[in-house]
Structures are given as structure tokens and as C-alpha cells.
Amino acid sequence: MTRDPLSLPEPLEISLPNSTLSLSRRDLLQGVGAAGLAATIPNLATAATRGGDVAAIKSVVARQHDDMIRRLRDWIALPTIAAERRNLQEGAQMMSAMLTDAGFQHTEIIQTPGTPAVFATLDAGAAKTLGVYAMYDVKQYDGPGWIAPPLEGRIVEDPDLGKIMIARGAINTKGPQMAFLAALHAIRAAGRKLPVNIVLIAEGEEEVGSVHLEEVLNKPQVAQALSRCTGMIYADAAQSPSGDVTLDLGSKGMLEVELTASSQAWGRGAAEEVHSGYAAAIDSPVWHLVQALATMTSPDGTRVTIDGWYDDIRAPTPHELALLAKNATPSSEESMKKIFGVRRWLNDVPYPQAVERLANAPTANIEGIYGGYTGPGGKTSLPARGVAKMDFRLVPNQTAKGAEAKLRAHLAKHGFGDIDVKATGGVDPSETREDTPLIAAVKSVYAKEGVPLTINPRNPTSGPTYLFTNPPFSLAFSSFGLGHGARFHVPNEYYVIEPKNPLLRGFDGATSSFVELLYALA
């Protein structure tokens, strides 16, 4: 006879040594409920303790504000410029010292053929370990237009945003880094124990392609430490000026190349630049390059036409498409058009299709093209050499190495095998599942802080995160942090210190968000 699992006989006899205990079904169920309550009480007590810890820590955050801003200014004052190989050893040493000061027991500067990396661990005796990826290099700061000295870290009043710090590296990424370290200082100053262990990797080559990061991650001590991590974060200031956050679950990959067409390699055209009057009888390497470029995309630029380019691509999932459709609102279209100064989307597609393409479409982009004379006026010359710089954005299941091989094969097949292909950078796409503990913790903090959240399957830009999300580590990865800043790589880069908008967080609010995340992950 089939019986409901809860339809127990009345009464139920349980034999114990030297006695027989008679329990009814109601007695048993009441006992189960009591046991459940007893199990719940420690969890409630733990939650209350954590809440008290966080409140105590946040009170310290405000008191240490001036000291942390001073530390940020000191960090900004050292220009660690990867492209110029400037102050990179000094940058690694200062990063190592800041980590030690924040409580990391082990810091190690790892030398590479390029610039050094910093590997650090903080063992709090916790059950879980968080990985942190950081960069200590910044872009150049030359050029006119700065309203404050770029290495001073001056705080100025912006009529819309409030008090902002103007400096190279303010948002990318020395400001958010310092907010994260400030969280560690506040936890210790409050007399609390860090709720998770931390493994941190800081590189000094992010702005030049993270050339040696994989080599650093493969070091035995680094790989072993990363294998213990629940996930990885990148300290960011993720809010828009209005206060909302877009959480990206991945990013596109990228292959960056320099293509050179020359008379010497082609075997046609003049050995050196000559008068353009002879163009009627002498081949042009620049036209040869232009014709090669024309074989790579459809005329409207919407589809890459390199042979085999789409063979391995993973189709977007129904969940990804649903997220993108949800994100394609009229207000977000208006905002994007304002940010980028555009009036219509590529090939005049509707905005929902443009949003879907940003996440899922490969691209072939010409960054710059030059050859011969490009100064004022004319020169009537026939160049002997032309160069095009390109980047190709890649989507899941494509790889930078695979894309480079297909590009070379395509050029050879179509009669352009003489064009020199120099790969100047390459990263693979990255992906993180939404149902991972890391993403759950990130979402919970944003919800607790009342921050409007949009979840995006894939950012159209690229970075080295695939080194963490792909095997052998296969870690969840997310940028995280409240706060706002902008003007990456250009004059007047800024980071909001004290905002006017109550939905926007300043430096102290950013610090508190990192405290919240550490406890949410525990």
C-alpha cells in the first residue's frame, strides 16, 4: 500500500535501551519543528552578529576618511605608466607595501620579462577565500585640457556630481582600489575579524594587454592559492551618474593586429615613395591594403566575412536573449545615444537589435589607417607602404589564437598573403554563470543598498578576465563596487568623493560596499 510519508502509524513506538518510548505523529512533527527552530537560532544569532560587526565597521569608515584620501593621493602621485615603462618597479613595491599595511601576511613581487606583478595573501582562518584582481598601471597623462594637475589628486566641486577627485588613475583604478583597502583597514580598526580569506593578484601591464599575466598565474604558489577561491572580483566604481549599476556576466574577447602592406613584401610598386604622377604605371601598396580590408566585412560593416569566422560561435541562450530584451528600454537608448553622441545605430537597426549585437556579434574594426603623407596640404606622392591597425571583438567559443589563424588564412586565400600580420594583443571571451555564490552575493549587496540593478550577459569591451574564468581555474568573476567615476584614458579623469545624488555613493559609501560584500560572501 502506498502511504503518504507523513502518514505515520498512531502511536509510533521507538525502542530505546531499557525503555519503550511511545510518540504520536503530532509529537514527532512538533519535535521536527522544534529541531528546525533550534537549528535556525544559531543562524539568526550569526546574522545578528554580522549585522553588528558591519555597523561597527561602517562607523570607523567615516572616521578614517581623511587618512584614506591622503593615502589615495600618495598612490596617485606615483605615475605608473605601462606604455612608457615608467615607475613600474616602484609601483609594484608601493602596491606591496600598501597590501602589507592593510593586513596581508604574505606579499611577493613576481618579476616577469615585462613588468613585475604583486601576489599577496591574507589568511583570516575563514571558511571561504575571495580572489581579487587588480592593476597598478595607468595611462599616460600628457596632453592639454586638465583643469587640475593630473598627479595631485585635487578635489573640486562639480555642479552636477558634487565633490570629485581629478587625477590620472582616479577611477582607473587607484580610487576603487583604495576604497577596497580602506574596507580592510576599517574591519581591523573596528576590532573585527575578516570574514573571508583573500588572494590578490596585481599586474602592471593591463593597459598594454596583460602580456605576462598568464605567466604569473601559472606560478605554482599563485595557482595553488587561486584554486581555493570561491570567485574573483575587480574593485570598481560601478554606478552611473544616476546611481544605477549594470552587472556584466562576461566580456567579449579581442584580437588586435597591425597589418602592413609594402612594395618590398608585395614585389610590386616603387621601392620608395615616388611622385604620384607615376601612379598610372606603378602599383600602390596602400590601395592593396584597402582592397584587403574590404574583403573582411560586408559593405555595411555588420558581418565579418573572413572565412570560417562564425564556425565555432556559441549561440546565445534564451536566458541571455531575455536579459537583453529586458535591458533595451527607451530610457536606456536615450542615455546611450547621449553618452556616445550618436543619432542612429549601425545599419539603422532598432535599439533592441543593437543591444543584442553589442553582446553577441563579432566585429572587425579599423582603429586607424595611414600611409604616405598625412600632414597639412597635399604632397602628390605615391607611398611605398601602408599600415592599418585593427581589432576584432570575439564572442563565446572564439579564441584570439584561432581568430589570428583564420585572418592569416583568409588573406593568403584572397591574394593578400604578402601583407604582414603582427598580433599586438589578444584575449579570449569570458563568462560567469548568474547562479554562482559570487554573483548571488554581489546582487544581495546591491539589493540591500537599494541600488537599481541591470544584468547584462556580456560587456562589449575586453580584458584579461578569461584567464580566471576559463580552465584551469574556472572561477566566477565580477567587477564590484559602489561609486562613480569616468573619463578613462583622457584628461580630467575623475572619481566621486562626496556625491550630491543620494542614490550615488562617494568614497566612504564605496568602502562600505566592499565591507558588505565580504560579509555577504562569508
Protein backbone atom coordinates (compact mmCIF):
# COMPACT_ATOMS: atom_id res chain seq x y z
CA MET A 1 0.00 0.00 0.00
CA THR A 2 1.28 3.47 -0.89
CA ARG A 3 1.44 5.76 2.11
CA ASP A 4 1.96 9.49 2.48
CA PRO A 5 5.44 9.80 4.02
CA LEU A 6 3.90 11.83 6.84
CA SER A 7 1.04 9.35 7.48
CA LEU A 8 2.75 7.64 10.37
CA PRO A 9 1.07 4.92 12.39
CA GLU A 10 -0.60 6.01 15.64
CA PRO A 11 1.14 5.58 18.02
CA LEU A 12 4.75 5.13 16.82
CA GLU A 13 6.88 3.08 19.15
CA ILE A 14 10.61 3.65 19.30
CA SER A 15 12.63 1.17 21.32
CA LEU A 16 15.46 2.55 23.42
CA PRO A 17 17.66 0.65 25.83
CA ASN A 18 15.69 -0.34 28.95
CA SER A 19 12.55 1.51 27.79
CA THR A 20 9.95 1.92 25.11
CA LEU A 21 9.05 5.46 24.06
CA SER A 22 5.65 5.98 22.51
CA LEU A 23 5.31 9.01 20.19
CA SER A 24 2.34 10.19 18.21
CA ARG A 25 2.63 11.63 14.73
CA ARG A 26 1.91 15.08 16.19
CA ASP A 27 4.64 14.63 18.81
CA LEU A 28 7.13 13.71 16.11
CA LEU A 29 6.24 16.64 13.84
CA GLN A 30 6.36 19.06 16.74
CA GLY A 31 9.79 17.67 17.57
CA VAL A 32 10.94 18.20 14.00
CA GLY A 33 9.67 21.79 14.15
CA ALA A 34 11.49 22.36 17.42
CA ALA A 35 14.66 20.92 15.95
CA GLY A 36 14.32 23.21 12.95
CA LEU A 37 13.86 26.19 15.25
CA ALA A 38 16.87 25.14 17.27
CA ALA A 39 18.92 24.92 14.07
CA THR A 40 17.64 28.33 12.99
CA ILE A 41 18.54 30.13 16.22
CA PRO A 42 22.34 29.93 15.64
CA ASN A 43 21.82 31.24 12.10
CA LEU A 44 19.78 34.16 13.42
CA ALA A 45 22.41 34.81 16.06
CA THR A 46 25.14 34.71 13.42
CA ALA A 47 23.21 37.15 11.22
CA ALA A 48 22.73 39.49 14.18
CA THR A 49 26.42 39.30 15.00
CA ARG A 50 27.34 40.06 11.41
CA GLY A 51 24.93 42.98 11.36
CA GLY A 52 26.55 44.35 14.49
CA ASP A 53 30.02 43.88 13.03
CA VAL A 54 29.10 45.70 9.82
CA ALA A 55 27.54 48.60 11.74
CA ALA A 56 30.65 48.95 13.89
CA ILE A 57 32.92 48.82 10.87
CA LYS A 58 30.91 51.45 8.98
CA SER A 59 31.29 53.84 11.89
CA VAL A 60 35.07 53.50 11.50
CA VAL A 61 34.86 54.14 7.75
CA ALA A 62 33.77 57.75 8.29
CA ARG A 63 36.44 58.38 10.92
CA GLN A 64 39.27 57.18 8.68
CA HIS A 65 38.10 59.15 5.62
CA ASP A 66 40.79 61.84 5.66
CA ASP A 67 43.59 59.32 6.17
CA MET A 68 42.39 57.16 3.27
CA ILE A 69 42.11 60.14 0.93
CA ARG A 70 45.68 61.06 1.86
CA ARG A 71 46.78 57.52 1.02
CA LEU A 72 44.94 57.72 -2.32
CA ARG A 73 46.70 60.98 -3.17
CA ASP A 74 50.07 59.40 -2.36
CA TRP A 75 49.25 56.47 -4.67
CA ILE A 76 48.14 58.78 -7.49
CA ALA A 77 51.30 60.90 -7.13
CA LEU A 78 53.37 57.96 -8.41
CA PRO A 79 52.70 57.77 -12.19
CA THR A 80 52.90 54.05 -13.01
CA ILE A 81 52.66 54.19 -16.80
CA ALA A 82 53.00 50.82 -18.54
CA ALA A 83 53.24 52.23 -22.07
CA GLU A 84 56.29 54.26 -21.05
CA ARG A 85 57.65 51.61 -18.65
CA ARG A 86 57.67 54.35 -16.05
CA ASN A 87 57.86 53.71 -12.28
CA LEU A 88 56.71 50.12 -12.62
CA GLN A 89 59.18 48.58 -10.18
CA GLU A 90 58.36 51.41 -7.79
CA GLY A 91 54.65 50.83 -8.40
CA ALA A 92 54.94 47.13 -7.54
CA GLN A 93 56.87 47.99 -4.38
CA MET A 94 54.30 50.58 -3.30
CA MET A 95 51.42 48.18 -4.01
CA SER A 96 53.15 45.52 -1.94
CA ALA A 97 53.66 47.97 0.93
CA MET A 98 50.01 49.09 0.84
CA LEU A 99 48.83 45.47 0.98
CA THR A 100 51.07 44.70 3.94
CA ASP A 101 49.74 47.79 5.69
CA ALA A 102 46.17 46.60 5.03
CA GLY A 103 46.83 43.28 6.78
CA PHE A 104 48.12 40.87 4.14
CA GLN A 105 50.57 38.50 5.83
CA HIS A 106 52.33 37.49 2.61
CA THR A 107 53.24 39.76 -0.30
CA GLU A 108 55.55 38.81 -3.14
CA ILE A 109 56.79 40.77 -6.13
CA ILE A 110 56.98 38.42 -9.11
CA GLN A 111 59.34 39.56 -11.84
CA THR A 112 58.44 38.87 -15.48
CA PRO A 113 60.13 39.64 -18.82
CA GLY A 114 57.92 42.74 -18.81
CA THR A 115 56.75 44.44 -15.64
CA PRO A 116 56.51 42.90 -12.15
CA ALA A 117 53.30 41.58 -10.64
CA VAL A 118 52.31 41.50 -6.97
CA PHE A 119 50.93 38.35 -5.33
CA ALA A 120 49.50 38.63 -1.81
CA THR A 121 47.51 36.50 0.61
CA LEU A 122 45.56 37.35 3.74
CA ASP A 123 44.67 34.29 5.83
CA ALA A 124 41.87 35.10 8.28
CA GLY A 125 41.21 31.46 9.14
CA ALA A 126 37.88 31.76 7.35
CA ALA A 127 35.96 29.03 5.55
CA LYS A 128 35.89 30.86 2.22
CA THR A 129 38.51 32.69 0.13
CA LEU A 130 37.91 35.61 -2.22
CA GLY A 131 40.23 36.35 -5.11
CA VAL A 132 40.91 39.95 -6.11
CA TYR A 133 42.35 41.04 -9.46
CA ALA A 134 43.97 44.47 -9.57
CA MET A 135 46.12 46.59 -11.85
CA TYR A 136 48.59 49.22 -10.71
CA ASP A 137 49.42 50.73 -14.11
CA VAL A 138 47.69 53.77 -15.58
CA LYS A 139 47.51 55.54 -18.93
CA GLN A 140 49.65 58.48 -19.95
CA TYR A 141 48.51 61.91 -18.74
CA ASP A 142 50.12 64.19 -21.30
CA GLY A 143 48.04 66.50 -23.44
CA PRO A 144 46.15 69.71 -22.77
CA GLY A 145 42.80 70.16 -21.08
CA TRP A 146 43.44 69.17 -17.47
CA ILE A 147 41.64 71.50 -15.05
CA ALA A 148 43.85 70.30 -12.17
CA PRO A 149 47.36 68.80 -12.09
CA PRO A 150 46.91 65.12 -13.05
CA LEU A 151 49.14 63.77 -10.26
CA GLU A 152 47.85 65.96 -7.43
CA GLY A 153 44.52 64.32 -6.65
CA ARG A 154 42.79 67.65 -6.23
CA ILE A 155 39.16 67.56 -5.07
CA VAL A 156 36.94 70.04 -6.89
CA GLU A 157 33.23 70.84 -6.83
CA ASP A 158 31.26 69.63 -9.84
CA PRO A 159 27.84 71.34 -10.22
CA ASP A 160 26.08 68.05 -11.01
CA LEU A 161 28.10 65.35 -9.25
CA GLY A 162 29.39 67.01 -6.08
CA LYS A 163 32.98 66.74 -4.84
CA ILE A 164 35.15 64.82 -7.28
CA MET A 165 38.84 63.99 -7.39
CA ILE A 166 40.56 64.90 -10.68
CA ALA A 167 43.63 62.77 -11.41
CA ARG A 168 45.14 60.16 -13.67
CA GLY A 169 44.18 56.82 -12.15
CA ALA A 170 41.40 58.33 -10.02
CA ILE A 171 38.80 55.90 -11.39
CA ASN A 172 41.01 53.55 -13.42
CA THR A 173 41.69 52.14 -10.90
CA LYS A 174 43.56 53.59 -7.95
CA GLY A 175 40.46 55.18 -6.41
CA PRO A 176 38.35 51.99 -6.19
CA GLN A 177 41.47 50.04 -5.13
CA MET A 178 41.96 52.36 -2.19
CA ALA A 179 38.28 52.06 -1.26
CA PHE A 180 38.75 48.27 -1.09
CA LEU A 181 41.89 48.59 1.03
CA ALA A 182 40.06 51.12 3.22
CA ALA A 183 37.47 48.41 3.92
CA LEU A 184 40.21 46.11 5.22
CA HIS A 185 41.63 48.89 7.38
CA ALA A 186 38.18 49.63 8.81
CA ILE A 187 37.50 45.98 9.68
CA ARG A 188 40.77 45.75 11.57
CA ALA A 189 40.34 49.14 13.27
CA ALA A 190 36.89 48.07 14.47
CA GLY A 191 38.47 45.04 16.13
CA ARG A 192 36.63 42.61 13.88
CA LYS A 193 37.93 39.51 12.17
CA LEU A 194 37.92 39.48 8.38
CA PRO A 195 35.05 37.15 7.34
CA VAL A 196 36.88 35.68 4.33
CA ASN A 197 40.47 34.99 3.31
CA ILE A 198 41.83 36.99 0.37
CA VAL A 199 44.16 36.18 -2.51
CA LEU A 200 45.19 39.22 -4.57
CA ILE A 201 46.96 39.47 -7.92
CA ALA A 202 48.03 42.92 -9.15
CA GLU A 203 49.61 43.37 -12.57
CA GLY A 204 51.37 46.35 -14.10
CA GLU A 205 50.58 45.65 -17.77
CA GLU A 206 46.78 45.84 -18.05
CA GLU A 207 46.98 48.98 -20.18
CA VAL A 208 49.32 47.25 -22.65
CA GLY A 209 47.49 43.95 -22.99
CA SER A 210 48.32 41.97 -19.81
CA VAL A 211 51.15 40.36 -21.73
CA HIS A 212 52.65 38.37 -18.85
CA LEU A 213 49.64 37.86 -16.56
CA GLU A 214 49.11 34.24 -17.63
CA GLU A 215 52.75 33.50 -16.81
CA VAL A 216 52.23 34.94 -13.32
CA LEU A 217 49.03 32.94 -12.74
CA ASN A 218 50.82 29.73 -13.69
CA LYS A 219 53.38 30.15 -10.90
CA PRO A 220 52.79 27.18 -8.53
CA GLN A 221 52.21 29.31 -5.43
CA VAL A 222 49.76 31.57 -7.29
CA ALA A 223 47.85 28.73 -8.97
CA GLN A 224 47.52 26.86 -5.69
CA ALA A 225 46.15 29.94 -3.93
CA LEU A 226 43.66 30.67 -6.72
CA SER A 227 42.39 27.09 -6.64
CA ARG A 228 40.99 27.78 -3.15
CA CYS A 229 38.98 30.84 -4.21
CA THR A 230 35.19 31.00 -4.35
CA GLY A 231 35.42 33.66 -7.06
CA MET A 232 37.28 36.78 -8.19
CA ILE A 233 36.35 40.44 -8.04
CA TYR A 234 37.81 43.56 -9.60
CA ALA A 235 37.44 46.68 -7.46
CA ASP A 236 35.33 49.10 -9.48
CA ALA A 237 33.01 52.08 -9.13
CA ALA A 238 30.09 50.57 -10.98
CA GLN A 239 27.37 53.20 -10.62
CA SER A 240 26.25 55.50 -13.40
CA PRO A 241 25.79 59.22 -12.58
CA SER A 242 22.14 58.47 -11.78
CA GLY A 243 23.12 55.74 -9.30
CA ASP A 244 22.16 52.53 -11.10
CA VAL A 245 24.52 49.61 -11.76
CA THR A 246 24.94 47.30 -14.75
CA LEU A 247 26.35 43.91 -13.75
CA ASP A 248 28.16 42.23 -16.65
CA LEU A 249 28.37 38.43 -16.54
CA GLY A 250 31.22 38.35 -19.03
CA SER A 251 33.04 40.22 -21.74
CA LYS A 252 33.95 39.81 -25.37
CA GLY A 253 37.38 38.64 -26.40
CA MET A 254 39.65 40.62 -28.70
CA LEU A 255 42.37 40.14 -31.28
CA GLU A 256 44.35 43.29 -32.04
CA VAL A 257 46.61 43.38 -35.09
CA GLU A 258 48.75 45.67 -37.20
CA LEU A 259 48.59 44.99 -40.94
CA THR A 260 51.39 46.31 -43.16
CA ALA A 261 51.40 46.35 -46.95
CA SER A 262 54.71 47.28 -48.56
CA SER A 263 56.25 47.29 -52.00
CA GLN A 264 59.12 45.23 -50.67
CA ALA A 265 56.94 42.37 -49.39
CA TRP A 266 54.44 42.54 -52.26
CA GLY A 267 57.04 42.60 -55.02
CA ARG A 268 55.11 45.35 -56.78
CA GLY A 269 55.21 49.15 -56.57
CA ALA A 270 58.15 51.50 -56.14
CA ALA A 271 60.92 50.66 -53.67
CA GLU A 272 60.44 54.09 -52.08
CA GLU A 273 57.85 56.86 -52.15
CA VAL A 274 57.65 58.48 -55.61
CA HIS A 275 55.72 61.26 -57.34
CA SER A 276 52.02 60.40 -57.70
CA GLY A 277 52.17 61.19 -61.41
CA TYR A 278 53.62 57.69 -61.85
CA ALA A 279 50.51 56.06 -60.32
CA ALA A 280 49.31 55.34 -63.85
CA ALA A 281 52.10 52.79 -64.24
CA ILE A 282 53.20 51.80 -60.71
CA ASP A 283 51.19 49.78 -58.16
CA SER A 284 50.07 51.28 -54.85
CA PRO A 285 50.61 49.22 -51.66
CA VAL A 286 48.08 51.45 -49.90
CA TRP A 287 45.32 50.54 -52.39
CA HIS A 288 46.43 46.92 -51.99
CA LEU A 289 45.86 47.25 -48.23
CA VAL A 290 42.47 48.93 -48.70
CA GLN A 291 41.34 46.13 -51.01
CA ALA A 292 42.43 43.55 -48.45
CA LEU A 293 40.43 45.33 -45.74
CA ALA A 294 37.37 45.37 -47.98
CA THR A 295 37.32 41.55 -48.03
CA MET A 296 36.92 41.35 -44.24
CA THR A 297 33.40 42.72 -43.75
CA SER A 298 30.13 43.20 -45.54
CA PRO A 299 29.80 46.67 -47.13
CA ASP A 300 27.73 47.95 -44.18
CA GLY A 301 30.18 46.54 -41.64
CA THR A 302 27.58 44.37 -39.88
CA ARG A 303 29.10 40.97 -40.66
CA VAL A 304 32.69 39.73 -40.64
CA THR A 305 33.38 37.93 -43.92
CA ILE A 306 36.67 36.25 -43.01
CA ASP A 307 36.40 32.59 -43.96
CA GLY A 308 35.20 30.36 -41.12
CA TRP A 309 34.76 33.25 -38.68
CA TYR A 310 31.39 32.04 -37.36
CA ASP A 311 32.09 28.29 -37.37
CA ASP A 312 32.67 27.84 -33.63
CA ILE A 313 30.41 30.51 -32.15
CA ARG A 314 28.02 29.52 -29.36
CA ALA A 315 24.50 30.77 -29.95
CA PRO A 316 23.04 33.00 -27.22
CA THR A 317 20.86 31.19 -24.71
CA PRO A 318 17.15 32.02 -24.25
CA HIS A 319 18.01 33.49 -20.82
CA GLU A 320 20.68 35.75 -22.34
CA LEU A 321 18.26 36.95 -25.01
CA ALA A 322 15.60 37.61 -22.36
CA LEU A 323 18.04 39.71 -20.32
CA LEU A 324 19.00 41.74 -23.38
CA ALA A 325 15.37 42.31 -24.38
CA LYS A 326 14.62 43.49 -20.84
CA ASN A 327 17.55 45.91 -20.97
CA ALA A 328 16.57 47.52 -24.30
CA THR A 329 14.34 50.23 -22.84
CA PRO A 330 13.64 53.64 -24.40
CA SER A 331 15.33 55.35 -21.45
CA SER A 332 18.49 53.27 -21.84
CA GLU A 333 18.55 54.06 -25.57
CA GLU A 334 18.26 57.77 -24.86
CA SER A 335 21.07 57.53 -22.31
CA MET A 336 23.38 55.61 -24.64
CA LYS A 337 22.82 57.99 -27.52
CA LYS A 338 23.65 60.90 -25.25
CA ILE A 339 26.80 59.25 -23.89
CA PHE A 340 28.18 58.33 -27.31
CA GLY A 341 26.82 61.26 -29.30
CA VAL A 342 25.10 59.07 -31.90
CA ARG A 343 21.78 59.61 -33.66
CA ARG A 344 21.22 56.15 -35.16
CA TRP A 345 22.58 52.62 -34.78
CA LEU A 346 24.68 50.64 -37.24
CA ASN A 347 22.73 49.88 -40.41
CA ASP A 348 19.74 51.68 -38.84
CA VAL A 349 18.71 48.63 -36.81
CA PRO A 350 16.22 49.17 -33.95
CA TYR A 351 17.67 49.59 -30.48
CA PRO A 352 16.79 46.08 -29.19
CA GLN A 353 18.76 44.59 -32.08
CA ALA A 354 21.65 46.96 -31.41
CA VAL A 355 21.72 45.82 -27.76
CA GLU A 356 21.71 42.17 -28.83
CA ARG A 357 24.56 42.79 -31.28
CA LEU A 358 26.66 44.54 -28.63
CA ALA A 359 26.59 41.35 -26.57
CA ASN A 360 26.64 38.66 -29.25
CA ALA A 361 28.04 39.92 -32.56
CA PRO A 362 31.71 39.60 -33.57
CA THR A 363 33.19 42.76 -35.08
CA ALA A 364 36.07 43.84 -37.32
CA ASN A 365 37.08 47.42 -36.53
CA ILE A 366 39.69 49.67 -38.16
CA GLU A 367 41.33 51.62 -35.32
CA GLY A 368 43.47 53.67 -37.69
CA ILE A 369 44.93 53.56 -41.18
CA TYR A 370 47.83 55.55 -42.57
CA GLY A 371 50.40 55.62 -45.36
CA GLY A 372 52.44 58.27 -47.07
CA TYR A 373 51.82 61.93 -46.41
CA THR A 374 49.19 62.90 -43.82
CA GLY A 375 50.24 66.49 -42.99
CA PRO A 376 48.60 69.77 -43.99
CA GLY A 377 48.01 70.46 -47.66
CA GLY A 378 48.96 67.97 -50.36
CA LYS A 379 52.18 66.28 -51.40
CA THR A 380 51.26 64.37 -54.59
CA SER A 381 53.17 61.26 -53.52
CA LEU A 382 52.74 57.54 -54.17
CA PRO A 383 53.58 55.75 -50.90
CA ALA A 384 55.55 52.52 -50.77
CA ARG A 385 53.92 51.37 -47.52
CA GLY A 386 50.55 51.42 -45.77
CA VAL A 387 49.53 50.34 -42.27
CA ALA A 388 46.16 49.53 -40.71
CA LYS A 389 45.57 48.88 -37.03
CA MET A 390 42.55 46.66 -36.36
CA ASP A 391 40.75 44.97 -33.51
CA PHE A 392 38.35 42.05 -33.76
CA ARG A 393 35.86 41.52 -30.91
CA LEU A 394 35.18 37.85 -30.22
CA VAL A 395 32.24 36.00 -28.65
CA PRO A 396 31.94 32.69 -26.76
CA ASN A 397 33.83 29.74 -28.28
CA GLN A 398 36.08 32.01 -30.36
CA THR A 399 39.69 32.45 -29.28
CA ALA A 400 42.29 35.09 -30.08
CA LYS A 401 44.72 32.48 -31.44
CA GLY A 402 42.04 30.88 -33.57
CA ALA A 403 40.95 34.25 -34.94
CA GLU A 404 44.53 35.15 -35.86
CA ALA A 405 44.97 31.86 -37.74
CA LYS A 406 41.74 32.44 -39.69
CA LEU A 407 42.77 36.01 -40.54
CA ARG A 408 46.12 34.86 -41.93
CA ALA A 409 44.50 32.05 -43.93
CA HIS A 410 41.88 34.44 -45.31
CA LEU A 411 44.46 36.95 -46.53
CA ALA A 412 46.52 34.21 -48.18
CA LYS A 413 43.47 32.69 -49.89
CA HIS A 414 42.35 36.02 -51.34
CA GLY A 415 45.72 37.04 -52.75
CA PHE A 416 46.98 39.17 -49.85
CA GLY A 417 49.45 36.74 -48.29
CA ASP A 418 52.22 39.33 -48.64
CA ILE A 419 50.56 41.62 -46.08
CA ASP A 420 52.41 41.35 -42.79
CA VAL A 421 50.18 40.49 -39.81
CA LYS A 422 51.53 41.45 -36.39
CA ALA A 423 49.35 40.47 -33.42
CA THR A 424 49.69 43.24 -30.83
CA GLY A 425 47.19 41.89 -28.29
CA GLY A 426 44.76 39.09 -27.72
CA VAL A 427 42.30 37.96 -25.05
CA ASP A 428 39.56 35.34 -25.13
CA PRO A 429 35.91 35.91 -24.17
CA SER A 430 34.95 35.37 -20.54
CA GLU A 431 31.72 34.10 -18.99
CA THR A 432 30.33 33.75 -15.46
CA ARG A 433 27.11 31.96 -14.54
CA GLU A 434 24.50 34.06 -12.80
CA ASP A 435 23.73 31.30 -10.27
CA THR A 436 27.20 31.28 -8.67
CA PRO A 437 27.71 32.23 -4.99
CA LEU A 438 29.78 35.25 -6.01
CA ILE A 439 27.10 36.75 -8.25
CA ALA A 440 24.45 35.98 -5.61
CA ALA A 441 26.50 37.89 -3.03
CA VAL A 442 27.05 40.84 -5.40
CA LYS A 443 23.33 41.04 -6.18
CA SER A 444 22.42 40.83 -2.49
CA VAL A 445 24.64 43.82 -1.62
CA TYR A 446 23.20 45.96 -4.39
CA ALA A 447 19.67 44.99 -3.30
CA LYS A 448 20.43 45.81 0.35
CA GLU A 449 21.80 49.21 -0.68
CA GLY A 450 18.71 49.96 -2.78
CA VAL A 451 20.69 50.30 -5.98
CA PRO A 452 18.79 49.71 -9.26
CA LEU A 453 20.48 46.75 -10.99
CA THR A 454 20.60 45.68 -14.63
CA ILE A 455 22.15 42.32 -15.51
CA ASN A 456 23.93 42.15 -18.86
CA PRO A 457 25.16 38.86 -20.35
CA ARG A 458 28.30 40.33 -21.88
CA ASN A 459 30.17 43.61 -21.96
CA PRO A 460 31.23 44.62 -25.49
CA THR A 461 34.74 45.53 -24.28
CA SER A 462 37.52 43.09 -23.40
CA GLY A 463 40.05 42.30 -20.69
CA PRO A 464 42.14 39.53 -19.15
CA THR A 465 39.31 38.09 -17.05
CA TYR A 466 39.18 34.94 -19.21
CA LEU A 467 42.41 33.84 -17.52
CA PHE A 468 40.36 33.41 -14.34
CA THR A 469 37.01 32.25 -15.77
CA ASN A 470 38.41 29.68 -18.21
CA PRO A 471 40.19 26.45 -17.23
CA PRO A 472 42.24 25.63 -15.27
CA PHE A 473 40.74 28.00 -12.66
CA SER A 474 37.12 28.26 -13.93
CA LEU A 475 36.30 30.94 -11.35
CA ALA A 476 33.28 33.21 -11.23
CA PHE A 477 34.40 36.78 -11.90
CA SER A 478 32.69 40.11 -11.34
CA SER A 479 33.63 43.74 -11.14
CA PHE A 480 32.12 45.21 -7.98
CA GLY A 481 31.87 48.40 -6.01
CA LEU A 482 29.53 51.30 -5.44
CA GLY A 483 30.63 54.76 -6.54
CA HIS A 484 31.12 56.55 -9.82
CA GLY A 485 33.89 57.92 -11.98
CA ALA A 486 34.59 58.48 -15.67
CA ARG A 487 36.89 59.92 -18.38
CA PHE A 488 39.16 56.88 -18.51
CA HIS A 489 42.37 57.49 -20.52
CA VAL A 490 41.62 61.17 -21.25
CA PRO A 491 42.17 64.49 -19.43
CA ASN A 492 40.10 65.19 -16.31
CA GLU A 493 39.61 61.59 -15.26
CA TYR A 494 37.57 61.75 -12.06
CA TYR A 495 36.24 59.77 -9.08
CA VAL A 496 33.32 60.98 -6.98
CA ILE A 497 34.32 61.55 -3.34
CA GLU A 498 31.16 63.16 -1.92
CA PRO A 499 28.12 62.97 -4.23
CA LYS A 500 25.11 65.26 -4.48
CA ASN A 501 22.79 62.49 -5.68
CA PRO A 502 21.62 60.44 -2.65
CA LEU A 503 21.49 57.29 -4.82
CA LEU A 504 25.16 57.71 -5.71
CA ARG A 505 27.87 56.64 -3.26
CA GLY A 506 31.08 58.51 -2.61
CA PHE A 507 34.39 57.17 -1.32
CA ASP A 508 33.02 56.15 2.09
CA GLY A 509 29.98 54.52 0.52
CA ALA A 510 32.24 52.60 -1.84
CA THR A 511 34.33 51.43 1.12
CA SER A 512 31.21 50.29 2.95
CA SER A 513 30.03 48.36 -0.10
CA PHE A 514 33.22 46.28 -0.01
CA VAL A 515 32.64 45.59 3.69
CA GLU A 516 29.11 44.40 2.87
CA LEU A 517 30.38 42.13 0.09
CA LEU A 518 32.99 40.46 2.28
CA TYR A 519 30.33 39.59 4.84
CA ALA A 520 27.82 38.52 2.18
CA LEU A 521 30.36 36.04 0.83
CA ALA A 522 31.22 34.54 4.24
